[in-house]
Amino acid sequence: MMEDFISPKLEGQRFEGHSVPLDLLQDEGVATFDLAGKLSSFETVEHVTLTDPLDIDRRVAELSLLKDGWLDGQGSALDPDGLRRAGTQFRTCLDPKIPPPFLYPTPEGELRAEWSLATAEVSLDINLASLVGQYSALDVATGESIEQTLDLTQDESWATLNQDLGRLVRTVSRDSAND
């Protein structure tokens, strides 16, 4: 069975003698699949792109595939529209000088964004229906903690988030330069 495909992964493929982590590839082309739906060969490969493991769009696409029961029979599927909206907000509103967060599902069907910086742990638990998030940051070097509610549909909330994360990232950069 031959069909066009856009695949987030190329299982076990090697390119020009170099092994590439599988989850960092996105490919487009024509492939042959066996009757069980397993990729058996490539007819043509039109495009291969290396992706960042923290790429927001890639992670949103992965999370959108989760079904109810994804966590050992528990765990609610994430709302696809809310997930898409959250991804768009991160892509368009997060300051590009700030590293993208790790994005995780919660068992309740919400989205958790986490940043692990050298001296800080930051999380943002997002309700996908409202795009309101509970922000928590702990500067482990100073013990300073911040907790607040952010409405991710509002520019003011993104300004607050970017300012606080920017301060923490600059602190990490300054500390690294002193080492």
Protein backbone atom coordinates (compact mmCIF):
# COMPACT_ATOMS: atom_id res chain seq x y z
CA MET A 1 0.00 0.00 0.00
CA MET A 2 1.62 3.27 -1.14
CA GLU A 3 0.52 6.65 0.23
CA ASP A 4 1.69 10.18 0.85
CA PHE A 5 2.85 10.78 4.37
CA ILE A 6 3.93 13.48 6.75
CA SER A 7 5.55 11.74 9.67
CA PRO A 8 6.91 13.16 12.93
CA LYS A 9 9.46 10.33 13.13
CA LEU A 10 11.63 8.18 10.91
CA GLU A 11 12.13 4.99 12.93
CA GLY A 12 15.73 3.78 12.85
CA GLN A 13 16.79 5.67 9.73
CA ARG A 14 20.37 6.83 9.14
CA PHE A 15 21.28 9.78 6.95
CA GLU A 16 24.64 10.20 5.23
CA GLY A 17 26.27 7.90 7.77
CA HIS A 18 25.02 9.92 10.76
CA SER A 19 22.54 8.63 13.27
CA VAL A 20 19.86 11.22 14.08
CA PRO A 21 17.67 11.13 17.20
CA LEU A 22 14.35 9.91 15.88
CA ASP A 23 12.12 12.47 17.51
CA LEU A 24 14.09 15.34 15.99
CA LEU A 25 13.06 14.57 12.40
CA GLN A 26 10.04 15.61 10.40
CA ASP A 27 9.73 14.20 6.92
CA GLU A 28 7.47 14.45 3.88
CA GLY A 29 7.22 12.14 0.88
CA VAL A 30 5.71 8.93 -0.44
CA ALA A 31 6.12 5.67 1.47
CA THR A 32 4.94 2.08 1.37
CA PHE A 33 3.22 0.64 4.44
CA ASP A 34 2.45 -3.00 5.14
CA LEU A 35 -1.08 -4.24 5.92
CA ALA A 36 -0.52 -3.57 9.64
CA GLY A 37 0.22 0.07 8.83
CA LYS A 38 3.95 -0.23 9.55
CA LEU A 39 6.32 1.76 7.36
CA SER A 40 8.14 -0.67 5.09
CA SER A 41 9.94 1.57 2.56
CA PHE A 42 10.26 5.07 1.16
CA GLU A 43 9.39 5.66 -2.48
CA THR A 44 10.42 9.32 -2.37
CA VAL A 45 11.46 11.72 0.34
CA GLU A 46 10.64 15.28 -0.60
CA HIS A 47 11.80 17.04 2.51
CA VAL A 48 13.46 16.21 5.85
CA THR A 49 13.66 18.81 8.61
CA LEU A 50 15.51 18.57 11.91
CA THR A 51 13.27 19.91 14.67
CA ASP A 52 14.01 21.28 18.10
CA PRO A 53 12.79 18.92 20.86
CA LEU A 54 11.20 21.98 22.52
CA ASP A 55 9.48 23.11 19.30
CA ILE A 56 6.04 24.31 20.41
CA ASP A 57 4.17 23.21 17.26
CA ARG A 58 5.74 19.76 17.32
CA ARG A 59 4.92 19.23 20.98
CA VAL A 60 1.34 20.50 20.54
CA ALA A 61 0.90 18.02 17.67
CA GLU A 62 2.20 15.18 19.85
CA LEU A 63 -0.01 16.13 22.81
CA SER A 64 -3.08 16.40 20.59
CA LEU A 65 -2.79 12.66 19.87
CA LEU A 66 -3.38 11.69 23.51
CA LYS A 67 -6.70 9.95 24.13
CA ASP A 68 -8.67 9.51 27.35
CA GLY A 69 -6.87 6.95 29.51
CA TRP A 70 -3.38 7.88 28.26
CA LEU A 71 -1.94 7.57 31.79
CA ASP A 72 -2.32 3.90 32.80
CA GLY A 73 -6.05 3.99 32.09
CA GLN A 74 -6.43 7.40 33.70
CA GLY A 75 -5.71 10.84 32.26
CA SER A 76 -8.04 12.97 30.20
CA ALA A 77 -7.36 13.89 26.60
CA LEU A 78 -6.37 17.52 26.07
CA ASP A 79 -8.90 19.81 24.38
CA PRO A 80 -7.54 20.16 20.82
CA ASP A 81 -8.84 23.69 20.31
CA GLY A 82 -7.47 24.90 23.65
CA LEU A 83 -4.16 23.16 22.98
CA ARG A 84 -3.91 24.82 19.56
CA ARG A 85 -4.74 28.22 21.06
CA ALA A 86 -2.16 27.75 23.84
CA GLY A 87 0.48 26.77 21.26
CA THR A 88 -0.32 29.84 19.17
CA GLN A 89 -0.03 32.09 22.23
CA PHE A 90 3.38 30.62 23.18
CA ARG A 91 4.65 30.89 19.61
CA THR A 92 3.53 34.50 19.15
CA CYS A 93 3.81 35.99 22.66
CA LEU A 94 6.80 34.35 24.36
CA ASP A 95 9.88 36.56 24.05
CA PRO A 96 12.27 34.85 21.59
CA LYS A 97 15.17 35.49 24.01
CA ILE A 98 13.50 33.13 26.49
CA PRO A 99 13.95 29.41 25.91
CA PRO A 100 10.73 27.58 25.05
CA PRO A 101 9.21 25.55 27.85
CA PHE A 102 8.90 21.82 28.15
CA LEU A 103 5.19 21.11 27.57
CA TYR A 104 3.49 18.26 29.42
CA PRO A 105 -0.09 17.02 29.76
CA THR A 106 -1.63 16.83 33.22
CA PRO A 107 -3.85 13.90 34.24
CA GLU A 108 -6.77 16.37 34.41
CA GLY A 109 -6.43 17.21 30.70
CA GLU A 110 -4.65 20.50 31.16
CA LEU A 111 -1.26 21.72 29.95
CA ARG A 112 1.85 22.29 32.06
CA ALA A 113 4.73 24.43 30.80
CA GLU A 114 8.04 24.11 32.67
CA TRP A 115 11.32 25.91 32.48
CA SER A 116 14.33 24.48 34.33
CA LEU A 117 16.97 27.14 34.62
CA ALA A 118 20.29 26.88 36.46
CA THR A 119 18.96 28.67 39.54
CA ALA A 120 15.18 28.54 39.08
CA GLU A 121 12.30 26.15 38.60
CA VAL A 122 9.29 27.65 36.84
CA SER A 123 5.92 26.12 36.00
CA LEU A 124 2.70 27.34 34.45
CA ASP A 125 -0.38 25.12 34.76
CA ILE A 126 -2.82 26.14 32.02
CA ASN A 127 -6.56 25.54 31.89
CA LEU A 128 -7.08 24.91 28.18
CA ALA A 129 -10.71 26.08 28.17
CA SER A 130 -9.90 29.56 29.49
CA LEU A 131 -6.12 29.83 28.85
CA VAL A 132 -5.73 30.99 32.44
CA GLY A 133 -2.61 29.66 34.08
CA GLN A 134 -1.24 29.30 37.59
CA TYR A 135 2.34 30.56 37.47
CA SER A 136 4.91 29.47 40.02
CA ALA A 137 8.60 30.37 40.07
CA LEU A 138 11.20 29.47 42.66
CA ASP A 139 14.65 31.02 42.54
CA VAL A 140 16.59 28.26 44.30
CA ALA A 141 19.61 30.53 44.80
CA THR A 142 17.71 33.20 46.74
CA GLY A 143 14.65 31.27 47.92
CA GLU A 144 12.42 33.91 46.35
CA SER A 145 9.16 32.51 45.06
CA ILE A 146 6.42 34.03 42.97
CA GLU A 147 2.92 32.65 42.47
CA GLN A 148 0.25 34.34 40.43
CA THR A 149 -2.61 33.77 38.03
CA LEU A 150 -2.01 34.78 34.41
CA ASP A 151 -4.65 35.12 31.69
CA LEU A 152 -2.73 34.05 28.58
CA THR A 153 -5.26 35.77 26.32
CA GLN A 154 -4.09 39.14 27.71
CA ASP A 155 -0.97 41.02 26.59
CA GLU A 156 -0.37 42.23 30.17
CA SER A 157 -0.01 38.64 31.39
CA TRP A 158 2.52 37.86 28.67
CA ALA A 159 4.44 41.04 29.56
CA THR A 160 4.56 39.85 33.19
CA LEU A 161 5.62 36.33 32.20
CA ASN A 162 8.27 37.57 29.76
CA GLN A 163 9.63 40.05 32.29
CA ASP A 164 9.92 37.50 35.08
CA LEU A 165 11.37 34.74 32.88
CA GLY A 166 13.69 37.28 31.27
CA ARG A 167 14.99 38.29 34.70
CA LEU A 168 15.61 34.64 35.60
CA VAL A 169 17.32 33.93 32.25
CA ARG A 170 19.54 37.01 32.63
CA THR A 171 20.45 35.88 36.15
CA VAL A 172 21.49 32.50 34.73
CA SER A 173 23.50 34.18 31.94
CA ARG A 174 25.20 36.53 34.37
CA ASP A 175 26.04 33.66 36.74
CA SER A 176 27.43 31.58 33.85
CA ALA A 177 29.62 34.47 32.73
CA ASN A 178 31.07 34.74 36.26
CA ASP A 179 32.05 31.05 36.35
